[in-house]
Amino acid sequence: RSDARIPIGGTPGFAVLDLRAGLRV
């Protein structure tokens, strides 16, 4: 609760989207 790296009230949730493509020969 006193750590500046943690926002007041706690760490917010998140959702991160990644797109991927590849080719195997």
mmCIF file of all heavy atoms, coordinates in Angstrom:
data_MODEL
# 
_entry.id   MODEL 
# 
loop_
_atom_site.group_PDB 
_atom_site.id 
_atom_site.type_symbol 
_atom_site.label_atom_id 
_atom_site.label_alt_id 
_atom_site.label_comp_id 
_atom_site.label_asym_id 
_atom_site.label_entity_id 
_atom_site.label_seq_id 
_atom_site.pdbx_PDB_ins_code 
_atom_site.Cartn_x 
_atom_site.Cartn_y 
_atom_site.Cartn_z 
_atom_site.occupancy 
_atom_site.B_iso_or_equiv 
_atom_site.pdbx_formal_charge 
_atom_site.auth_seq_id 
_atom_site.auth_comp_id 
_atom_site.auth_asym_id 
_atom_site.auth_atom_id 
_atom_site.pdbx_PDB_model_num 
ATOM 1   N N   . ARG A 1 1  ? 0.812  -1.217  0.000   1.00 0.00 ? 1  ARG A N   1 
ATOM 2   C CA  . ARG A 1 1  ? 0.000  0.000   0.000   1.00 0.00 ? 1  ARG A CA  1 
ATOM 3   C C   . ARG A 1 1  ? 0.841  1.260   0.000   1.00 0.00 ? 1  ARG A C   1 
ATOM 4   O O   . ARG A 1 1  ? 0.364  2.337   -0.364  1.00 0.00 ? 1  ARG A O   1 
ATOM 5   C CB  . ARG A 1 1  ? -0.937 0.002   1.216   1.00 0.00 ? 1  ARG A CB  1 
ATOM 6   C CG  . ARG A 1 1  ? -2.027 -1.047  1.118   1.00 0.00 ? 1  ARG A CG  1 
ATOM 7   C CD  . ARG A 1 1  ? -2.997 -0.927  2.283   1.00 0.00 ? 1  ARG A CD  1 
ATOM 8   N NE  . ARG A 1 1  ? -3.455 -2.243  2.679   1.00 0.00 ? 1  ARG A NE  1 
ATOM 9   C CZ  . ARG A 1 1  ? -3.463 -2.706  3.912   1.00 0.00 ? 1  ARG A CZ  1 
ATOM 10  N NH1 . ARG A 1 1  ? -3.045 -1.950  4.904   1.00 0.00 ? 1  ARG A NH1 1 
ATOM 11  N NH2 . ARG A 1 1  ? -3.889 -3.912  4.163   1.00 0.00 ? 1  ARG A NH2 1 
ATOM 12  N N   . SER A 1 2  ? 2.091  1.162   0.431   1.00 0.00 ? 2  SER A N   1 
ATOM 13  C CA  . SER A 1 2  ? 2.981  2.324   0.459   1.00 0.00 ? 2  SER A CA  1 
ATOM 14  C C   . SER A 1 2  ? 4.003  2.309   -0.674  1.00 0.00 ? 2  SER A C   1 
ATOM 15  O O   . SER A 1 2  ? 4.872  3.172   -0.731  1.00 0.00 ? 2  SER A O   1 
ATOM 16  C CB  . SER A 1 2  ? 3.722  2.380   1.799   1.00 0.00 ? 2  SER A CB  1 
ATOM 17  O OG  . SER A 1 2  ? 2.826  2.490   2.874   1.00 0.00 ? 2  SER A OG  1 
ATOM 18  N N   . ASP A 1 3  ? 3.892  1.325   -1.566  1.00 0.00 ? 3  ASP A N   1 
ATOM 19  C CA  . ASP A 1 3  ? 4.853  1.175   -2.660  1.00 0.00 ? 3  ASP A CA  1 
ATOM 20  C C   . ASP A 1 3  ? 4.412  2.014   -3.852  1.00 0.00 ? 3  ASP A C   1 
ATOM 21  O O   . ASP A 1 3  ? 3.317  1.827   -4.383  1.00 0.00 ? 3  ASP A O   1 
ATOM 22  C CB  . ASP A 1 3  ? 4.945  -0.299  -3.058  1.00 0.00 ? 3  ASP A CB  1 
ATOM 23  C CG  . ASP A 1 3  ? 6.138  -0.588  -3.947  1.00 0.00 ? 3  ASP A CG  1 
ATOM 24  O OD1 . ASP A 1 3  ? 6.533  0.304   -4.722  1.00 0.00 ? 3  ASP A OD1 1 
ATOM 25  O OD2 . ASP A 1 3  ? 6.669  -1.713  -3.880  1.00 0.00 ? 3  ASP A OD2 1 
ATOM 26  N N   . ALA A 1 4  ? 5.263  2.943   -4.270  1.00 0.00 ? 4  ALA A N   1 
ATOM 27  C CA  . ALA A 1 4  ? 4.918  3.827   -5.394  1.00 0.00 ? 4  ALA A CA  1 
ATOM 28  C C   . ALA A 1 4  ? 4.748  3.059   -6.697  1.00 0.00 ? 4  ALA A C   1 
ATOM 29  O O   . ALA A 1 4  ? 4.134  3.565   -7.639  1.00 0.00 ? 4  ALA A O   1 
ATOM 30  C CB  . ALA A 1 4  ? 5.995  4.905   -5.553  1.00 0.00 ? 4  ALA A CB  1 
ATOM 31  N N   . ARG A 1 5  ? 5.284  1.840   -6.781  1.00 0.00 ? 5  ARG A N   1 
ATOM 32  C CA  . ARG A 1 5  ? 5.153  1.047   -8.011  1.00 0.00 ? 5  ARG A CA  1 
ATOM 33  C C   . ARG A 1 5  ? 3.775  0.417   -8.146  1.00 0.00 ? 5  ARG A C   1 
ATOM 34  O O   . ARG A 1 5  ? 3.422  -0.072  -9.215  1.00 0.00 ? 5  ARG A O   1 
ATOM 35  C CB  . ARG A 1 5  ? 6.227  -0.049  -8.036  1.00 0.00 ? 5  ARG A CB  1 
ATOM 36  C CG  . ARG A 1 5  ? 7.644  0.483   -8.121  1.00 0.00 ? 5  ARG A CG  1 
ATOM 37  C CD  . ARG A 1 5  ? 8.651  -0.604  -7.919  1.00 0.00 ? 5  ARG A CD  1 
ATOM 38  N NE  . ARG A 1 5  ? 8.568  -1.136  -6.556  1.00 0.00 ? 5  ARG A NE  1 
ATOM 39  C CZ  . ARG A 1 5  ? 9.385  -2.073  -6.079  1.00 0.00 ? 5  ARG A CZ  1 
ATOM 40  N NH1 . ARG A 1 5  ? 10.312 -2.594  -6.849  1.00 0.00 ? 5  ARG A NH1 1 
ATOM 41  N NH2 . ARG A 1 5  ? 9.263  -2.496  -4.849  1.00 0.00 ? 5  ARG A NH2 1 
ATOM 42  N N   . ILE A 1 6  ? 3.008  0.418   -7.054  1.00 0.00 ? 6  ILE A N   1 
ATOM 43  C CA  . ILE A 1 6  ? 1.669  -0.153  -7.065  1.00 0.00 ? 6  ILE A CA  1 
ATOM 44  C C   . ILE A 1 6  ? 0.663  0.982   -6.930  1.00 0.00 ? 6  ILE A C   1 
ATOM 45  O O   . ILE A 1 6  ? 0.695  1.719   -5.946  1.00 0.00 ? 6  ILE A O   1 
ATOM 46  C CB  . ILE A 1 6  ? 1.504  -1.167  -5.918  1.00 0.00 ? 6  ILE A CB  1 
ATOM 47  C CG1 . ILE A 1 6  ? 2.504  -2.320  -6.102  1.00 0.00 ? 6  ILE A CG1 1 
ATOM 48  C CG2 . ILE A 1 6  ? 0.074  -1.701  -5.868  1.00 0.00 ? 6  ILE A CG2 1 
ATOM 49  C CD1 . ILE A 1 6  ? 2.510  -3.320  -4.977  1.00 0.00 ? 6  ILE A CD1 1 
ATOM 50  N N   . PRO A 1 7  ? -0.219 1.178   -7.903  1.00 0.00 ? 7  PRO A N   1 
ATOM 51  C CA  . PRO A 1 7  ? -1.184 2.284   -7.837  1.00 0.00 ? 7  PRO A CA  1 
ATOM 52  C C   . PRO A 1 7  ? -2.055 2.194   -6.580  1.00 0.00 ? 7  PRO A C   1 
ATOM 53  O O   . PRO A 1 7  ? -2.252 1.117   -6.004  1.00 0.00 ? 7  PRO A O   1 
ATOM 54  C CB  . PRO A 1 7  ? -2.026 2.097   -9.103  1.00 0.00 ? 7  PRO A CB  1 
ATOM 55  C CG  . PRO A 1 7  ? -1.167 1.299   -10.021 1.00 0.00 ? 7  PRO A CG  1 
ATOM 56  C CD  . PRO A 1 7  ? -0.344 0.401   -9.137  1.00 0.00 ? 7  PRO A CD  1 
ATOM 57  N N   . ILE A 1 8  ? -2.583 3.329   -6.156  1.00 0.00 ? 8  ILE A N   1 
ATOM 58  C CA  . ILE A 1 8  ? -3.466 3.376   -4.993  1.00 0.00 ? 8  ILE A CA  1 
ATOM 59  C C   . ILE A 1 8  ? -4.670 2.467   -5.253  1.00 0.00 ? 8  ILE A C   1 
ATOM 60  O O   . ILE A 1 8  ? -5.317 2.555   -6.287  1.00 0.00 ? 8  ILE A O   1 
ATOM 61  C CB  . ILE A 1 8  ? -3.921 4.823   -4.718  1.00 0.00 ? 8  ILE A CB  1 
ATOM 62  C CG1 . ILE A 1 8  ? -2.719 5.676   -4.326  1.00 0.00 ? 8  ILE A CG1 1 
ATOM 63  C CG2 . ILE A 1 8  ? -4.978 4.861   -3.616  1.00 0.00 ? 8  ILE A CG2 1 
ATOM 64  C CD1 . ILE A 1 8  ? -3.021 7.147   -4.192  1.00 0.00 ? 8  ILE A CD1 1 
ATOM 65  N N   . GLY A 1 9  ? -4.946 1.590   -4.328  1.00 0.00 ? 9  GLY A N   1 
ATOM 66  C CA  . GLY A 1 9  ? -6.056 0.654   -4.472  1.00 0.00 ? 9  GLY A CA  1 
ATOM 67  C C   . GLY A 1 9  ? -5.674 -0.663  -5.118  1.00 0.00 ? 9  GLY A C   1 
ATOM 68  O O   . GLY A 1 9  ? -6.469 -1.597  -5.120  1.00 0.00 ? 9  GLY A O   1 
ATOM 69  N N   . GLY A 1 10 ? -4.472 -0.761  -5.681  1.00 0.00 ? 10 GLY A N   1 
ATOM 70  C CA  . GLY A 1 10 ? -4.033 -2.017  -6.280  1.00 0.00 ? 10 GLY A CA  1 
ATOM 71  C C   . GLY A 1 10 ? -3.689 -1.874  -7.750  1.00 0.00 ? 10 GLY A C   1 
ATOM 72  O O   . GLY A 1 10 ? -3.873 -0.823  -8.364  1.00 0.00 ? 10 GLY A O   1 
ATOM 73  N N   . THR A 1 11 ? -3.186 -2.954  -8.320  1.00 0.00 ? 11 THR A N   1 
ATOM 74  C CA  . THR A 1 11 ? -2.782 -2.972  -9.728  1.00 0.00 ? 11 THR A CA  1 
ATOM 75  C C   . THR A 1 11 ? -3.986 -3.289  -10.613 1.00 0.00 ? 11 THR A C   1 
ATOM 76  O O   . THR A 1 11 ? -4.644 -4.311  -10.408 1.00 0.00 ? 11 THR A O   1 
ATOM 77  C CB  . THR A 1 11 ? -1.688 -4.021  -9.958  1.00 0.00 ? 11 THR A CB  1 
ATOM 78  O OG1 . THR A 1 11 ? -0.582 -3.754  -9.080  1.00 0.00 ? 11 THR A OG1 1 
ATOM 79  C CG2 . THR A 1 11 ? -1.206 -4.001  -11.398 1.00 0.00 ? 11 THR A CG2 1 
ATOM 80  N N   . PRO A 1 12 ? -4.289 -2.414  -11.588 1.00 0.00 ? 12 PRO A N   1 
ATOM 81  C CA  . PRO A 1 12 ? -5.456 -2.681  -12.455 1.00 0.00 ? 12 PRO A CA  1 
ATOM 82  C C   . PRO A 1 12 ? -5.262 -3.937  -13.300 1.00 0.00 ? 12 PRO A C   1 
ATOM 83  O O   . PRO A 1 12 ? -4.144 -4.343  -13.607 1.00 0.00 ? 12 PRO A O   1 
ATOM 84  C CB  . PRO A 1 12 ? -5.516 -1.432  -13.350 1.00 0.00 ? 12 PRO A CB  1 
ATOM 85  C CG  . PRO A 1 12 ? -4.686 -0.404  -12.667 1.00 0.00 ? 12 PRO A CG  1 
ATOM 86  C CD  . PRO A 1 12 ? -3.639 -1.145  -11.898 1.00 0.00 ? 12 PRO A CD  1 
ATOM 87  N N   . GLY A 1 13 ? -6.385 -4.537  -13.678 1.00 0.00 ? 13 GLY A N   1 
ATOM 88  C CA  . GLY A 1 13 ? -6.341 -5.660  -14.590 1.00 0.00 ? 13 GLY A CA  1 
ATOM 89  C C   . GLY A 1 13 ? -6.040 -5.203  -16.007 1.00 0.00 ? 13 GLY A C   1 
ATOM 90  O O   . GLY A 1 13 ? -6.060 -4.003  -16.312 1.00 0.00 ? 13 GLY A O   1 
ATOM 91  N N   . PHE A 1 14 ? -5.741 -6.157  -16.889 1.00 0.00 ? 14 PHE A N   1 
ATOM 92  C CA  . PHE A 1 14 ? -5.428 -5.794  -18.274 1.00 0.00 ? 14 PHE A CA  1 
ATOM 93  C C   . PHE A 1 14 ? -5.717 -6.964  -19.202 1.00 0.00 ? 14 PHE A C   1 
ATOM 94  O O   . PHE A 1 14 ? -5.863 -8.111  -18.772 1.00 0.00 ? 14 PHE A O   1 
ATOM 95  C CB  . PHE A 1 14 ? -3.962 -5.363  -18.419 1.00 0.00 ? 14 PHE A CB  1 
ATOM 96  C CG  . PHE A 1 14 ? -2.960 -6.440  -18.102 1.00 0.00 ? 14 PHE A CG  1 
ATOM 97  C CD1 . PHE A 1 14 ? -2.593 -7.392  -19.053 1.00 0.00 ? 14 PHE A CD1 1 
ATOM 98  C CD2 . PHE A 1 14 ? -2.362 -6.503  -16.851 1.00 0.00 ? 14 PHE A CD2 1 
ATOM 99  C CE1 . PHE A 1 14 ? -1.672 -8.380  -18.763 1.00 0.00 ? 14 PHE A CE1 1 
ATOM 100 C CE2 . PHE A 1 14 ? -1.433 -7.494  -16.551 1.00 0.00 ? 14 PHE A CE2 1 
ATOM 101 C CZ  . PHE A 1 14 ? -1.090 -8.430  -17.507 1.00 0.00 ? 14 PHE A CZ  1 
ATOM 102 N N   . ALA A 1 15 ? -5.791 -6.656  -20.482 1.00 0.00 ? 15 ALA A N   1 
ATOM 103 C CA  . ALA A 1 15 ? -5.892 -7.653  -21.552 1.00 0.00 ? 15 ALA A CA  1 
ATOM 104 C C   . ALA A 1 15 ? -5.076 -7.132  -22.721 1.00 0.00 ? 15 ALA A C   1 
ATOM 105 O O   . ALA A 1 15 ? -5.292 -6.008  -23.186 1.00 0.00 ? 15 ALA A O   1 
ATOM 106 C CB  . ALA A 1 15 ? -7.343 -7.879  -21.959 1.00 0.00 ? 15 ALA A CB  1 
ATOM 107 N N   . VAL A 1 16 ? -4.127 -7.912  -23.174 1.00 0.00 ? 16 VAL A N   1 
ATOM 108 C CA  . VAL A 1 16 ? -3.209 -7.504  -24.236 1.00 0.00 ? 16 VAL A CA  1 
ATOM 109 C C   . VAL A 1 16 ? -3.335 -8.487  -25.397 1.00 0.00 ? 16 VAL A C   1 
ATOM 110 O O   . VAL A 1 16 ? -3.188 -9.702  -25.212 1.00 0.00 ? 16 VAL A O   1 
ATOM 111 C CB  . VAL A 1 16 ? -1.754 -7.460  -23.727 1.00 0.00 ? 16 VAL A CB  1 
ATOM 112 C CG1 . VAL A 1 16 ? -0.802 -7.108  -24.860 1.00 0.00 ? 16 VAL A CG1 1 
ATOM 113 C CG2 . VAL A 1 16 ? -1.612 -6.461  -22.587 1.00 0.00 ? 16 VAL A CG2 1 
ATOM 114 N N   . LEU A 1 17 ? -3.588 -7.960  -26.592 1.00 0.00 ? 17 LEU A N   1 
ATOM 115 C CA  . LEU A 1 17 ? -3.776 -8.783  -27.782 1.00 0.00 ? 17 LEU A CA  1 
ATOM 116 C C   . LEU A 1 17 ? -2.520 -8.779  -28.639 1.00 0.00 ? 17 LEU A C   1 
ATOM 117 O O   . LEU A 1 17 ? -1.944 -7.717  -28.915 1.00 0.00 ? 17 LEU A O   1 
ATOM 118 C CB  . LEU A 1 17 ? -4.956 -8.246  -28.606 1.00 0.00 ? 17 LEU A CB  1 
ATOM 119 C CG  . LEU A 1 17 ? -5.227 -8.931  -29.947 1.00 0.00 ? 17 LEU A CG  1 
ATOM 120 C CD1 . LEU A 1 17 ? -5.660 -10.376 -29.725 1.00 0.00 ? 17 LEU A CD1 1 
ATOM 121 C CD2 . LEU A 1 17 ? -6.284 -8.154  -30.732 1.00 0.00 ? 17 LEU A CD2 1 
ATOM 122 N N   . ASP A 1 18 ? -2.080 -9.971  -29.054 1.00 0.00 ? 18 ASP A N   1 
ATOM 123 C CA  . ASP A 1 18 ? -0.937 -10.132 -29.955 1.00 0.00 ? 18 ASP A CA  1 
ATOM 124 C C   . ASP A 1 18 ? -1.394 -10.890 -31.200 1.00 0.00 ? 18 ASP A C   1 
ATOM 125 O O   . ASP A 1 18 ? -2.197 -11.825 -31.110 1.00 0.00 ? 18 ASP A O   1 
ATOM 126 C CB  . ASP A 1 18 ? 0.195  -10.924 -29.289 1.00 0.00 ? 18 ASP A CB  1 
ATOM 127 C CG  . ASP A 1 18 ? 0.699  -10.287 -28.005 1.00 0.00 ? 18 ASP A CG  1 
ATOM 128 O OD1 . ASP A 1 18 ? 0.738  -9.051  -27.929 1.00 0.00 ? 18 ASP A OD1 1 
ATOM 129 O OD2 . ASP A 1 18 ? 1.044  -11.042 -27.078 1.00 0.00 ? 18 ASP A OD2 1 
ATOM 130 N N   . LEU A 1 19 ? -0.866 -10.507 -32.367 1.00 0.00 ? 19 LEU A N   1 
ATOM 131 C CA  . LEU A 1 19 ? -1.106 -11.226 -33.612 1.00 0.00 ? 19 LEU A CA  1 
ATOM 132 C C   . LEU A 1 19 ? 0.200  -11.839 -34.080 1.00 0.00 ? 19 LEU A C   1 
ATOM 133 O O   . LEU A 1 19 ? 1.257  -11.198 -34.007 1.00 0.00 ? 19 LEU A O   1 
ATOM 134 C CB  . LEU A 1 19 ? -1.662 -10.275 -34.681 1.00 0.00 ? 19 LEU A CB  1 
ATOM 135 C CG  . LEU A 1 19 ? -2.989 -9.590  -34.354 1.00 0.00 ? 19 LEU A CG  1 
ATOM 136 C CD1 . LEU A 1 19 ? -3.385 -8.651  -35.484 1.00 0.00 ? 19 LEU A CD1 1 
ATOM 137 C CD2 . LEU A 1 19 ? -4.087 -10.615 -34.091 1.00 0.00 ? 19 LEU A CD2 1 
ATOM 138 N N   . ARG A 1 20 ? 0.139  -13.092 -34.594 1.00 0.00 ? 20 ARG A N   1 
ATOM 139 C CA  . ARG A 1 20 ? 1.352  -13.810 -34.974 1.00 0.00 ? 20 ARG A CA  1 
ATOM 140 C C   . ARG A 1 20 ? 1.166  -14.490 -36.325 1.00 0.00 ? 20 ARG A C   1 
ATOM 141 O O   . ARG A 1 20 ? 0.068  -14.897 -36.683 1.00 0.00 ? 20 ARG A O   1 
ATOM 142 C CB  . ARG A 1 20 ? 1.694  -14.871 -33.929 1.00 0.00 ? 20 ARG A CB  1 
ATOM 143 C CG  . ARG A 1 20 ? 1.775  -14.348 -32.512 1.00 0.00 ? 20 ARG A CG  1 
ATOM 144 C CD  . ARG A 1 20 ? 2.149  -15.457 -31.541 1.00 0.00 ? 20 ARG A CD  1 
ATOM 145 N NE  . ARG A 1 20 ? 2.216  -14.964 -30.184 1.00 0.00 ? 20 ARG A NE  1 
ATOM 146 C CZ  . ARG A 1 20 ? 1.290  -15.187 -29.265 1.00 0.00 ? 20 ARG A CZ  1 
ATOM 147 N NH1 . ARG A 1 20 ? 0.228  -15.909 -29.569 1.00 0.00 ? 20 ARG A NH1 1 
ATOM 148 N NH2 . ARG A 1 20 ? 1.416  -14.720 -28.052 1.00 0.00 ? 20 ARG A NH2 1 
ATOM 149 N N   . ALA A 1 21 ? 2.273  -14.621 -37.049 1.00 0.00 ? 21 ALA A N   1 
ATOM 150 C CA  . ALA A 1 21 ? 2.273  -15.367 -38.303 1.00 0.00 ? 21 ALA A CA  1 
ATOM 151 C C   . ALA A 1 21 ? 3.643  -15.999 -38.476 1.00 0.00 ? 21 ALA A C   1 
ATOM 152 O O   . ALA A 1 21 ? 4.646  -15.505 -37.953 1.00 0.00 ? 21 ALA A O   1 
ATOM 153 C CB  . ALA A 1 21 ? 1.953  -14.459 -39.486 1.00 0.00 ? 21 ALA A CB  1 
ATOM 154 N N   . GLY A 1 22 ? 3.677  -17.115 -39.206 1.00 0.00 ? 22 GLY A N   1 
ATOM 155 C CA  . GLY A 1 22 ? 4.953  -17.776 -39.393 1.00 0.00 ? 22 GLY A CA  1 
ATOM 156 C C   . GLY A 1 22 ? 4.935  -18.735 -40.565 1.00 0.00 ? 22 GLY A C   1 
ATOM 157 O O   . GLY A 1 22 ? 3.885  -19.026 -41.150 1.00 0.00 ? 22 GLY A O   1 
ATOM 158 N N   . LEU A 1 23 ? 6.126  -19.199 -40.914 1.00 0.00 ? 23 LEU A N   1 
ATOM 159 C CA  . LEU A 1 23 ? 6.299  -20.148 -42.012 1.00 0.00 ? 23 LEU A CA  1 
ATOM 160 C C   . LEU A 1 23 ? 7.405  -21.112 -41.627 1.00 0.00 ? 23 LEU A C   1 
ATOM 161 O O   . LEU A 1 23 ? 8.492  -20.690 -41.204 1.00 0.00 ? 23 LEU A O   1 
ATOM 162 C CB  . LEU A 1 23 ? 6.665  -19.408 -43.305 1.00 0.00 ? 23 LEU A CB  1 
ATOM 163 C CG  . LEU A 1 23 ? 6.958  -20.285 -44.521 1.00 0.00 ? 23 LEU A CG  1 
ATOM 164 C CD1 . LEU A 1 23 ? 5.700  -21.035 -44.951 1.00 0.00 ? 23 LEU A CD1 1 
ATOM 165 C CD2 . LEU A 1 23 ? 7.487  -19.432 -45.672 1.00 0.00 ? 23 LEU A CD2 1 
ATOM 166 N N   . ARG A 1 24 ? 7.130  -22.419 -41.752 1.00 0.00 ? 24 ARG A N   1 
ATOM 167 C CA  . ARG A 1 24 ? 8.128  -23.444 -41.465 1.00 0.00 ? 24 ARG A CA  1 
ATOM 168 C C   . ARG A 1 24 ? 8.397  -24.230 -42.750 1.00 0.00 ? 24 ARG A C   1 
ATOM 169 O O   . ARG A 1 24 ? 7.458  -24.682 -43.409 1.00 0.00 ? 24 ARG A O   1 
ATOM 170 C CB  . ARG A 1 24 ? 7.616  -24.393 -40.385 1.00 0.00 ? 24 ARG A CB  1 
ATOM 171 C CG  . ARG A 1 24 ? 8.584  -25.523 -40.041 1.00 0.00 ? 24 ARG A CG  1 
ATOM 172 C CD  . ARG A 1 24 ? 7.901  -26.554 -39.163 1.00 0.00 ? 24 ARG A CD  1 
ATOM 173 N NE  . ARG A 1 24 ? 7.589  -26.023 -37.863 1.00 0.00 ? 24 ARG A NE  1 
ATOM 174 C CZ  . ARG A 1 24 ? 8.348  -26.182 -36.776 1.00 0.00 ? 24 ARG A CZ  1 
ATOM 175 N NH1 . ARG A 1 24 ? 9.474  -26.872 -36.868 1.00 0.00 ? 24 ARG A NH1 1 
ATOM 176 N NH2 . ARG A 1 24 ? 7.995  -25.677 -35.626 1.00 0.00 ? 24 ARG A NH2 1 
ATOM 177 N N   . VAL A 1 25 ? 9.684  -24.376 -43.102 1.00 0.00 ? 25 VAL A N   1 
ATOM 178 C CA  . VAL A 1 25 ? 10.080 -25.100 -44.302 1.00 0.00 ? 25 VAL A CA  1 
ATOM 179 C C   . VAL A 1 25 ? 10.935 -26.297 -43.891 1.00 0.00 ? 25 VAL A C   1 
ATOM 180 O O   . VAL A 1 25 ? 12.115 -26.156 -43.570 1.00 0.00 ? 25 VAL A O   1 
ATOM 181 C CB  . VAL A 1 25 ? 10.860 -24.194 -45.281 1.00 0.00 ? 25 VAL A CB  1 
ATOM 182 C CG1 . VAL A 1 25 ? 11.219 -24.968 -46.542 1.00 0.00 ? 25 VAL A CG1 1 
ATOM 183 C CG2 . VAL A 1 25 ? 10.065 -22.944 -45.611 1.00 0.00 ? 25 VAL A CG2 1 
# 
